[in-house]
């Protein structure tokens, strides 16, 4: 059996909900949370297909977590709107941040 990554530990990037939870726990302030969330490249959820046929499953994207956080009152309307506008502007210009 072959070891992946030559045995080195790789740290997974923080998820959207991890970043929001850090703010809720007082570990970061709102400005730091918004900077971190604004820097992410979001993915959309989708319905997977098998042999060209849609399944009855849904694969969540990272933007789904933003919407979930807003629905759970973890983001204000202003915070959600700011992230939405930034994402929309990036999609229109094709600018991707990594």
PDB file of N, CA and C in Angstrom:
ATOM      1  N   UNK A   1       0.836  -1.177   0.000  1.00  0.00           N
ATOM      2  CA  UNK A   1       0.000   0.000   0.000  1.00  0.00           C
ATOM      3  C   UNK A   1       0.890   1.252   0.000  1.00  0.00           C
ATOM      4  N   UNK A   2       0.537   2.212  -0.805  1.00  0.00           N
ATOM      5  CA  UNK A   2       1.346   3.416  -0.958  1.00  0.00           C
ATOM      6  C   UNK A   2       0.799   4.537  -0.080  1.00  0.00           C
ATOM      7  N   UNK A   3       1.690   5.239   0.587  1.00  0.00           N
ATOM      8  CA  UNK A   3       1.277   6.368   1.429  1.00  0.00           C
ATOM      9  C   UNK A   3       1.060   7.600   0.573  1.00  0.00           C
ATOM     10  N   UNK A   4      -0.004   8.274   0.834  1.00  0.00           N
ATOM     11  CA  UNK A   4      -0.275   9.509   0.103  1.00  0.00           C
ATOM     12  C   UNK A   4       0.442  10.666   0.792  1.00  0.00           C
ATOM     13  N   UNK A   5       0.859  11.648   0.019  1.00  0.00           N
ATOM     14  CA  UNK A   5       1.491  12.876   0.520  1.00  0.00           C
ATOM     15  C   UNK A   5       2.784  12.598   1.285  1.00  0.00           C
ATOM     16  N   UNK A   6       3.437  11.491   1.000  1.00  0.00           N
ATOM     17  CA  UNK A   6       4.705  11.129   1.647  1.00  0.00           C
ATOM     18  C   UNK A   6       4.623  11.141   3.163  1.00  0.00           C
ATOM     19  N   UNK A   7       3.459  10.839   3.693  1.00  0.00           N
ATOM     20  CA  UNK A   7       3.290  10.753   5.138  1.00  0.00           C
ATOM     21  C   UNK A   7       3.169  12.091   5.842  1.00  0.00           C
ATOM     22  N   UNK A   8       3.117  13.192   5.109  1.00  0.00           N
ATOM     23  CA  UNK A   8       3.003  14.500   5.751  1.00  0.00           C
ATOM     24  C   UNK A   8       1.539  14.832   6.003  1.00  0.00           C
ATOM     25  N   UNK A   9       1.286  15.451   7.119  1.00  0.00           N
ATOM     26  CA  UNK A   9      -0.063  15.843   7.497  1.00  0.00           C
ATOM     27  C   UNK A   9      -0.440  17.117   6.761  1.00  0.00           C
ATOM     28  N   UNK A  10      -1.586  17.082   6.116  1.00  0.00           N
ATOM     29  CA  UNK A  10      -2.095  18.273   5.430  1.00  0.00           C
ATOM     30  C   UNK A  10      -3.273  18.817   6.216  1.00  0.00           C
ATOM     31  N   UNK A  11      -3.274  20.106   6.430  1.00  0.00           N
ATOM     32  CA  UNK A  11      -4.356  20.741   7.167  1.00  0.00           C
ATOM     33  C   UNK A  11      -5.448  21.130   6.177  1.00  0.00           C
ATOM     34  N   UNK A  12      -6.657  20.692   6.453  1.00  0.00           N
ATOM     35  CA  UNK A  12      -7.789  21.013   5.574  1.00  0.00           C
ATOM     36  C   UNK A  12      -8.138  22.486   5.738  1.00  0.00           C
ATOM     37  N   UNK A  13      -8.515  23.140   4.650  1.00  0.00           N
ATOM     38  CA  UNK A  13      -8.917  24.546   4.767  1.00  0.00           C
ATOM     39  C   UNK A  13     -10.180  24.672   5.608  1.00  0.00           C
ATOM     40  N   UNK A  14     -10.308  25.811   6.250  1.00  0.00           N
ATOM     41  CA  UNK A  14     -11.499  26.047   7.064  1.00  0.00           C
ATOM     42  C   UNK A  14     -12.723  26.151   6.178  1.00  0.00           C
ATOM     43  N   UNK A  15     -13.816  25.600   6.657  1.00  0.00           N
ATOM     44  CA  UNK A  15     -15.063  25.696   5.916  1.00  0.00           C
ATOM     45  C   UNK A  15     -15.752  27.020   6.242  1.00  0.00           C
ATOM     46  N   UNK A  16     -16.742  27.337   5.457  1.00  0.00           N
ATOM     47  CA  UNK A  16     -17.549  28.541   5.689  1.00  0.00           C
ATOM     48  C   UNK A  16     -18.099  28.527   7.109  1.00  0.00           C
ATOM     49  N   UNK A  17     -18.675  27.404   7.504  1.00  0.00           N
ATOM     50  CA  UNK A  17     -19.291  27.331   8.835  1.00  0.00           C
ATOM     51  C   UNK A  17     -18.261  27.402   9.952  1.00  0.00           C
ATOM     52  N   UNK A  18     -17.039  26.879   9.709  1.00  0.00           N
ATOM     53  CA  UNK A  18     -15.956  27.001  10.703  1.00  0.00           C
ATOM     54  C   UNK A  18     -15.629  28.476  10.945  1.00  0.00           C
ATOM     55  N   UNK A  19     -15.526  29.236   9.866  1.00  0.00           N
ATOM     56  CA  UNK A  19     -15.183  30.660   9.970  1.00  0.00           C
ATOM     57  C   UNK A  19     -16.278  31.420  10.725  1.00  0.00           C
ATOM     58  N   UNK A  20     -17.527  31.139  10.388  1.00  0.00           N
ATOM     59  CA  UNK A  20     -18.639  31.816  11.063  1.00  0.00           C
ATOM     60  C   UNK A  20     -18.684  31.417  12.532  1.00  0.00           C
ATOM     61  N   UNK A  21     -18.434  30.151  12.836  1.00  0.00           N
ATOM     62  CA  UNK A  21     -18.413  29.692  14.229  1.00  0.00           C
ATOM     63  C   UNK A  21     -17.297  30.362  15.029  1.00  0.00           C
ATOM     64  N   UNK A  22     -16.165  30.646  14.395  1.00  0.00           N
ATOM     65  CA  UNK A  22     -15.078  31.358  15.091  1.00  0.00           C
ATOM     66  C   UNK A  22     -15.546  32.744  15.523  1.00  0.00           C
ATOM     67  N   UNK A  23     -16.303  33.409  14.667  1.00  0.00           N
ATOM     68  CA  UNK A  23     -16.834  34.725  15.042  1.00  0.00           C
ATOM     69  C   UNK A  23     -17.841  34.588  16.179  1.00  0.00           C
ATOM     70  N   UNK A  24     -18.721  33.591  16.075  1.00  0.00           N
ATOM     71  CA  UNK A  24     -19.725  33.381  17.117  1.00  0.00           C
ATOM     72  C   UNK A  24     -19.096  33.052  18.462  1.00  0.00           C
ATOM     73  N   UNK A  25     -17.931  32.391  18.431  1.00  0.00           N
ATOM     74  CA  UNK A  25     -17.226  32.025  19.661  1.00  0.00           C
ATOM     75  C   UNK A  25     -16.350  33.159  20.182  1.00  0.00           C
ATOM     76  N   UNK A  26     -16.266  34.267  19.441  1.00  0.00           N
ATOM     77  CA  UNK A  26     -15.452  35.395  19.870  1.00  0.00           C
ATOM     78  C   UNK A  26     -13.981  35.249  19.548  1.00  0.00           C
ATOM     79  N   UNK A  27     -13.620  34.262  18.733  1.00  0.00           N
ATOM     80  CA  UNK A  27     -12.213  34.056  18.381  1.00  0.00           C
ATOM     81  C   UNK A  27     -11.734  35.059  17.339  1.00  0.00           C
ATOM     82  N   UNK A  28     -12.647  35.521  16.473  1.00  0.00           N
ATOM     83  CA  UNK A  28     -12.344  36.563  15.497  1.00  0.00           C
ATOM     84  C   UNK A  28     -13.487  37.567  15.513  1.00  0.00           C
ATOM     85  N   UNK A  29     -13.232  38.774  15.029  1.00  0.00           N
ATOM     86  CA  UNK A  29     -14.316  39.766  14.975  1.00  0.00           C
ATOM     87  C   UNK A  29     -15.020  39.696  13.621  1.00  0.00           C
ATOM     88  N   UNK A  30     -16.072  40.471  13.479  1.00  0.00           N
ATOM     89  CA  UNK A  30     -16.873  40.440  12.256  1.00  0.00           C
ATOM     90  C   UNK A  30     -16.049  40.837  11.032  1.00  0.00           C
ATOM     91  N   UNK A  31     -15.195  41.825  11.167  1.00  0.00           N
ATOM     92  CA  UNK A  31     -14.377  42.260  10.032  1.00  0.00           C
ATOM     93  C   UNK A  31     -13.468  41.131   9.552  1.00  0.00           C
ATOM     94  N   UNK A  32     -12.848  40.411  10.472  1.00  0.00           N
ATOM     95  CA  UNK A  32     -11.975  39.291  10.107  1.00  0.00           C
ATOM     96  C   UNK A  32     -12.788  38.172   9.457  1.00  0.00           C
ATOM     97  N   UNK A  33     -13.982  37.915   9.977  1.00  0.00           N
ATOM     98  CA  UNK A  33     -14.846  36.894   9.384  1.00  0.00           C
ATOM     99  C   UNK A  33     -15.207  37.266   7.948  1.00  0.00           C
ATOM    100  N   UNK A  34     -15.585  38.514   7.738  1.00  0.00           N
ATOM    101  CA  UNK A  34     -15.990  38.942   6.401  1.00  0.00           C
ATOM    102  C   UNK A  34     -14.812  38.904   5.427  1.00  0.00           C
ATOM    103  N   UNK A  35     -13.604  39.255   5.892  1.00  0.00           N
ATOM    104  CA  UNK A  35     -12.421  39.152   5.029  1.00  0.00           C
ATOM    105  C   UNK A  35     -12.188  37.702   4.618  1.00  0.00           C
ATOM    106  N   UNK A  36     -12.277  36.797   5.592  1.00  0.00           N
ATOM    107  CA  UNK A  36     -12.050  35.383   5.312  1.00  0.00           C
ATOM    108  C   UNK A  36     -13.117  34.832   4.366  1.00  0.00           C
ATOM    109  N   UNK A  37     -14.382  35.175   4.612  1.00  0.00           N
ATOM    110  CA  UNK A  37     -15.459  34.677   3.760  1.00  0.00           C
ATOM    111  C   UNK A  37     -15.391  35.290   2.360  1.00  0.00           C
ATOM    112  N   UNK A  38     -14.975  36.538   2.280  1.00  0.00           N
ATOM    113  CA  UNK A  38     -14.884  37.207   0.975  1.00  0.00           C
ATOM    114  C   UNK A  38     -13.762  36.638   0.118  1.00  0.00           C
ATOM    115  N   UNK A  39     -12.772  36.027   0.744  1.00  0.00           N
ATOM    116  CA  UNK A  39     -11.625  35.489   0.019  1.00  0.00           C
ATOM    117  C   UNK A  39     -11.880  34.098  -0.566  1.00  0.00           C
ATOM    118  N   UNK A  40     -12.985  33.467  -0.164  1.00  0.00           N
ATOM    119  CA  UNK A  40     -13.263  32.105  -0.623  1.00  0.00           C
ATOM    120  C   UNK A  40     -13.846  32.077  -2.025  1.00  0.00           C
ATOM    121  N   UNK A  41     -13.533  31.015  -2.742  1.00  0.00           N
ATOM    122  CA  UNK A  41     -14.172  30.733  -4.032  1.00  0.00           C
ATOM    123  C   UNK A  41     -15.311  29.768  -3.743  1.00  0.00           C
ATOM    124  N   UNK A  42     -16.525  30.206  -3.962  1.00  0.00           N
ATOM    125  CA  UNK A  42     -17.690  29.404  -3.612  1.00  0.00           C
ATOM    126  C   UNK A  42     -18.089  28.471  -4.736  1.00  0.00           C
ATOM    127  N   UNK A  43     -18.627  27.332  -4.340  1.00  0.00           N
ATOM    128  CA  UNK A  43     -19.159  26.372  -5.293  1.00  0.00           C
ATOM    129  C   UNK A  43     -20.671  26.314  -5.126  1.00  0.00           C
ATOM    130  N   UNK A  44     -21.355  25.963  -6.198  1.00  0.00           N
ATOM    131  CA  UNK A  44     -22.799  25.783  -6.150  1.00  0.00           C
ATOM    132  C   UNK A  44     -23.108  24.314  -5.929  1.00  0.00           C
ATOM    133  N   UNK A  45     -24.233  24.056  -5.282  1.00  0.00           N
ATOM    134  CA  UNK A  45     -24.687  22.686  -5.128  1.00  0.00           C
ATOM    135  C   UNK A  45     -25.239  22.174  -6.454  1.00  0.00           C
ATOM    136  N   UNK A  46     -25.357  20.873  -6.555  1.00  0.00           N
ATOM    137  CA  UNK A  46     -25.857  20.295  -7.807  1.00  0.00           C
ATOM    138  C   UNK A  46     -26.471  18.922  -7.542  1.00  0.00           C
ATOM    139  N   UNK A  47     -27.256  18.467  -8.493  1.00  0.00           N
ATOM    140  CA  UNK A  47     -27.842  17.130  -8.464  1.00  0.00           C
ATOM    141  C   UNK A  47     -26.926  16.225  -9.299  1.00  0.00           C
ATOM    142  N   UNK A  48     -26.302  15.238  -8.666  1.00  0.00           N
ATOM    143  CA  UNK A  48     -25.420  14.343  -9.419  1.00  0.00           C
ATOM    144  C   UNK A  48     -26.209  13.505 -10.426  1.00  0.00           C
ATOM    145  N   UNK A  49     -25.531  13.140 -11.494  1.00  0.00           N
ATOM    146  CA  UNK A  49     -26.128  12.289 -12.517  1.00  0.00           C
ATOM    147  C   UNK A  49     -25.333  10.995 -12.637  1.00  0.00           C
ATOM    148  N   UNK A  50     -26.043   9.931 -12.943  1.00  0.00           N
ATOM    149  CA  UNK A  50     -25.412   8.647 -13.218  1.00  0.00           C
ATOM    150  C   UNK A  50     -25.882   8.222 -14.601  1.00  0.00           C
ATOM    151  N   UNK A  51     -24.930   8.059 -15.499  1.00  0.00           N
ATOM    152  CA  UNK A  51     -25.240   7.714 -16.887  1.00  0.00           C
ATOM    153  C   UNK A  51     -26.254   8.685 -17.494  1.00  0.00           C
ATOM    154  N   UNK A  52     -26.098   9.967 -17.181  1.00  0.00           N
ATOM    155  CA  UNK A  52     -26.956  10.997 -17.749  1.00  0.00           C
ATOM    156  C   UNK A  52     -28.320  11.141 -17.096  1.00  0.00           C
ATOM    157  N   UNK A  53     -28.575  10.392 -16.028  1.00  0.00           N
ATOM    158  CA  UNK A  53     -29.866  10.456 -15.342  1.00  0.00           C
ATOM    159  C   UNK A  53     -29.663  11.098 -13.974  1.00  0.00           C
ATOM    160  N   UNK A  54     -30.461  12.119 -13.694  1.00  0.00           N
ATOM    161  CA  UNK A  54     -30.368  12.804 -12.407  1.00  0.00           C
ATOM    162  C   UNK A  54     -30.754  11.853 -11.278  1.00  0.00           C
ATOM    163  N   UNK A  55     -29.987  11.925 -10.195  1.00  0.00           N
ATOM    164  CA  UNK A  55     -30.293  11.111  -9.016  1.00  0.00           C
ATOM    165  C   UNK A  55     -31.253  11.872  -8.120  1.00  0.00           C
ATOM    166  N   UNK A  56     -31.650  11.257  -7.024  1.00  0.00           N
ATOM    167  CA  UNK A  56     -32.516  11.946  -6.067  1.00  0.00           C
ATOM    168  C   UNK A  56     -31.692  12.550  -4.923  1.00  0.00           C
ATOM    169  N   UNK A  57     -30.408  12.755  -5.177  1.00  0.00           N
ATOM    170  CA  UNK A  57     -29.498  13.318  -4.173  1.00  0.00           C
ATOM    171  C   UNK A  57     -29.179  14.771  -4.510  1.00  0.00           C
ATOM    172  N   UNK A  58     -28.609  15.465  -3.552  1.00  0.00           N
ATOM    173  CA  UNK A  58     -28.149  16.833  -3.753  1.00  0.00           C
ATOM    174  C   UNK A  58     -26.775  16.955  -3.130  1.00  0.00           C
ATOM    175  N   UNK A  59     -25.809  17.391  -3.902  1.00  0.00           N
ATOM    176  CA  UNK A  59     -24.447  17.593  -3.417  1.00  0.00           C
ATOM    177  C   UNK A  59     -24.291  19.069  -3.070  1.00  0.00           C
ATOM    178  N   UNK A  60     -24.126  19.338  -1.778  1.00  0.00           N
ATOM    179  CA  UNK A  60     -24.031  20.725  -1.321  1.00  0.00           C
ATOM    180  C   UNK A  60     -22.765  21.402  -1.838  1.00  0.00           C
ATOM    181  N   UNK A  61     -22.898  22.690  -2.110  1.00  0.00           N
ATOM    182  CA  UNK A  61     -21.756  23.514  -2.445  1.00  0.00           C
ATOM    183  C   UNK A  61     -21.455  24.429  -1.267  1.00  0.00           C
ATOM    184  N   UNK A  62     -20.329  25.118  -1.310  1.00  0.00           N
ATOM    185  CA  UNK A  62     -19.959  25.982  -0.191  1.00  0.00           C
ATOM    186  C   UNK A  62     -20.900  27.185  -0.066  1.00  0.00           C
ATOM    187  N   UNK A  63     -21.510  27.635  -1.186  1.00  0.00           N
ATOM    188  CA  UNK A  63     -22.459  28.749  -1.082  1.00  0.00           C
ATOM    189  C   UNK A  63     -23.705  28.317  -0.316  1.00  0.00           C
ATOM    190  N   UNK A  64     -24.047  27.044  -0.352  1.00  0.00           N
ATOM    191  CA  UNK A  64     -25.172  26.533   0.435  1.00  0.00           C
ATOM    192  C   UNK A  64     -24.953  26.800   1.923  1.00  0.00           C
ATOM    193  N   UNK A  65     -23.692  26.746   2.361  1.00  0.00           N
ATOM    194  CA  UNK A  65     -23.388  27.012   3.768  1.00  0.00           C
ATOM    195  C   UNK A  65     -23.618  28.481   4.120  1.00  0.00           C
ATOM    196  N   UNK A  66     -23.364  29.387   3.177  1.00  0.00           N
ATOM    197  CA  UNK A  66     -23.655  30.805   3.409  1.00  0.00           C
ATOM    198  C   UNK A  66     -25.160  30.987   3.568  1.00  0.00           C
ATOM    199  N   UNK A  67     -25.931  30.376   2.679  1.00  0.00           N
ATOM    200  CA  UNK A  67     -27.385  30.487   2.763  1.00  0.00           C
ATOM    201  C   UNK A  67     -27.915  29.861   4.049  1.00  0.00           C
ATOM    202  N   UNK A  68     -27.361  28.722   4.438  1.00  0.00           N
ATOM    203  CA  UNK A  68     -27.761  28.063   5.677  1.00  0.00           C
ATOM    204  C   UNK A  68     -27.459  28.958   6.878  1.00  0.00           C
ATOM    205  N   UNK A  69     -26.271  29.547   6.903  1.00  0.00           N
ATOM    206  CA  UNK A  69     -25.891  30.418   8.020  1.00  0.00           C
ATOM    207  C   UNK A  69     -26.834  31.613   8.113  1.00  0.00           C
ATOM    208  N   UNK A  70     -27.221  32.165   6.976  1.00  0.00           N
ATOM    209  CA  UNK A  70     -28.165  33.284   6.976  1.00  0.00           C
ATOM    210  C   UNK A  70     -29.533  32.834   7.499  1.00  0.00           C
ATOM    211  N   UNK A  71     -29.996  31.682   7.060  1.00  0.00           N
ATOM    212  CA  UNK A  71     -31.283  31.166   7.522  1.00  0.00           C
ATOM    213  C   UNK A  71     -31.289  30.879   9.013  1.00  0.00           C
ATOM    214  N   UNK A  72     -30.131  30.534   9.556  1.00  0.00           N
ATOM    215  CA  UNK A  72     -30.009  30.231  10.983  1.00  0.00           C
ATOM    216  C   UNK A  72     -29.640  31.466  11.816  1.00  0.00           C
ATOM    217  N   UNK A  73     -29.721  32.654  11.199  1.00  0.00           N
ATOM    218  CA  UNK A  73     -29.399  33.925  11.859  1.00  0.00           C
ATOM    219  C   UNK A  73     -27.953  33.991  12.356  1.00  0.00           C
ATOM    220  N   UNK A  74     -27.047  33.291  11.677  1.00  0.00           N
ATOM    221  CA  UNK A  74     -25.624  33.389  12.001  1.00  0.00           C
ATOM    222  C   UNK A  74     -24.953  34.480  11.179  1.00  0.00           C
ATOM    223  N   UNK A  75     -25.633  34.930  10.111  1.00  0.00           N
ATOM    224  CA  UNK A  75     -25.200  36.075   9.316  1.00  0.00           C
ATOM    225  C   UNK A  75     -26.354  37.061   9.257  1.00  0.00           C
ATOM    226  N   UNK A  76     -26.028  38.332   9.351  1.00  0.00           N
ATOM    227  CA  UNK A  76     -27.059  39.356   9.212  1.00  0.00           C
ATOM    228  C   UNK A  76     -27.400  39.528   7.733  1.00  0.00           C
ATOM    229  N   UNK A  77     -28.491  40.217   7.473  1.00  0.00           N
ATOM    230  CA  UNK A  77     -28.873  40.503   6.090  1.00  0.00           C
ATOM    231  C   UNK A  77     -27.778  41.310   5.404  1.00  0.00           C
ATOM    232  N   UNK A  78     -27.190  42.261   6.122  1.00  0.00           N
ATOM    233  CA  UNK A  78     -26.128  43.089   5.551  1.00  0.00           C
ATOM    234  C   UNK A  78     -24.905  42.248   5.202  1.00  0.00           C
ATOM    235  N   UNK A  79     -24.510  41.325   6.087  1.00  0.00           N
ATOM    236  CA  UNK A  79     -23.359  40.458   5.823  1.00  0.00           C
ATOM    237  C   UNK A  79     -23.635  39.547   4.625  1.00  0.00           C
ATOM    238  N   UNK A  80     -24.810  38.941   4.609  1.00  0.00           N
ATOM    239  CA  UNK A  80     -25.193  38.077   3.489  1.00  0.00           C
ATOM    240  C   UNK A  80     -25.189  38.865   2.184  1.00  0.00           C
ATOM    241  N   UNK A  81     -25.779  40.058   2.210  1.00  0.00           N
ATOM    242  CA  UNK A  81     -25.862  40.883   1.002  1.00  0.00           C
ATOM    243  C   UNK A  81     -24.478  41.257   0.491  1.00  0.00           C
ATOM    244  N   UNK A  82     -23.574  41.603   1.392  1.00  0.00           N
ATOM    245  CA  UNK A  82     -22.214  41.974   0.999  1.00  0.00           C
ATOM    246  C   UNK A  82     -21.517  40.784   0.331  1.00  0.00           C
ATOM    247  N   UNK A  83     -21.652  39.594   0.910  1.00  0.00           N
ATOM    248  CA  UNK A  83     -21.033  38.401   0.326  1.00  0.00           C
ATOM    249  C   UNK A  83     -21.672  38.053  -1.014  1.00  0.00           C
ATOM    250  N   UNK A  84     -22.994  38.215  -1.101  1.00  0.00           N
ATOM    251  CA  UNK A  84     -23.702  37.932  -2.346  1.00  0.00           C
ATOM    252  C   UNK A  84     -23.238  38.868  -3.462  1.00  0.00           C
ATOM    253  N   UNK A  85     -23.147  40.166  -3.145  1.00  0.00           N
ATOM    254  CA  UNK A  85     -22.709  41.141  -4.149  1.00  0.00           C
ATOM    255  C   UNK A  85     -21.282  40.854  -4.604  1.00  0.00           C
ATOM    256  N   UNK A  86     -20.400  40.532  -3.673  1.00  0.00           N
ATOM    257  CA  UNK A  86     -19.004  40.239  -4.023  1.00  0.00           C
ATOM    258  C   UNK A  86     -18.918  38.992  -4.899  1.00  0.00           C
ATOM    259  N   UNK A  87     -19.700  37.976  -4.568  1.00  0.00           N
ATOM    260  CA  UNK A  87     -19.695  36.750  -5.375  1.00  0.00           C
ATOM    261  C   UNK A  87     -20.238  37.030  -6.769  1.00  0.00           C
ATOM    262  N   UNK A  88     -21.323  37.777  -6.846  1.00  0.00           N
ATOM    263  CA  UNK A  88     -21.923  38.102  -8.143  1.00  0.00           C
ATOM    264  C   UNK A  88     -20.945  38.899  -9.005  1.00  0.00           C
ATOM    265  N   UNK A  89     -20.255  39.868  -8.395  1.00  0.00           N
ATOM    266  CA  UNK A  89     -19.286  40.683  -9.145  1.00  0.00           C
ATOM    267  C   UNK A  89     -18.148  39.813  -9.663  1.00  0.00           C
ATOM    268  N   UNK A  90     -17.686  38.868  -8.852  1.00  0.00           N
ATOM    269  CA  UNK A  90     -16.618  37.966  -9.273  1.00  0.00           C
ATOM    270  C   UNK A  90     -17.068  37.076 -10.421  1.00  0.00           C
ATOM    271  N   UNK A  91     -18.319  36.605 -10.361  1.00  0.00           N
ATOM    272  CA  UNK A  91     -18.841  35.751 -11.428  1.00  0.00           C
ATOM    273  C   UNK A  91     -18.942  36.528 -12.746  1.00  0.00           C
ATOM    274  N   UNK A  92     -19.350  37.802 -12.659  1.00  0.00           N
ATOM    275  CA  UNK A  92     -19.510  38.601 -13.870  1.00  0.00           C
ATOM    276  C   UNK A  92     -18.179  38.942 -14.509  1.00  0.00           C
ATOM    277  N   UNK A  93     -17.161  39.197 -13.689  1.00  0.00           N
ATOM    278  CA  UNK A  93     -15.862  39.585 -14.222  1.00  0.00           C
ATOM    279  C   UNK A  93     -14.945  38.399 -14.480  1.00  0.00           C
ATOM    280  N   UNK A  94     -15.319  37.255 -13.898  1.00  0.00           N
ATOM    281  CA  UNK A  94     -14.485  36.070 -14.066  1.00  0.00           C
ATOM    282  C   UNK A  94     -13.260  36.076 -13.174  1.00  0.00           C
ATOM    283  N   UNK A  95     -13.196  37.018 -12.220  1.00  0.00           N
ATOM    284  CA  UNK A  95     -12.061  37.098 -11.308  1.00  0.00           C
ATOM    285  C   UNK A  95     -12.229  36.034 -10.231  1.00  0.00           C
ATOM    286  N   UNK A  96     -11.185  35.243 -10.057  1.00  0.00           N
ATOM    287  CA  UNK A  96     -11.229  34.186  -9.052  1.00  0.00           C
ATOM    288  C   UNK A  96     -10.097  34.428  -8.064  1.00  0.00           C
ATOM    289  N   UNK A  97     -10.459  34.404  -6.791  1.00  0.00           N
ATOM    290  CA  UNK A  97      -9.448  34.536  -5.729  1.00  0.00           C
ATOM    291  C   UNK A  97      -9.193  33.164  -5.150  1.00  0.00           C
ATOM    292  N   UNK A  98      -7.994  32.899  -4.773  1.00  0.00           N
ATOM    293  CA  UNK A  98      -7.668  31.590  -4.205  1.00  0.00           C
ATOM    294  C   UNK A  98      -6.983  31.732  -2.969  1.00  0.00           C
TER     295      UNK A  98
END
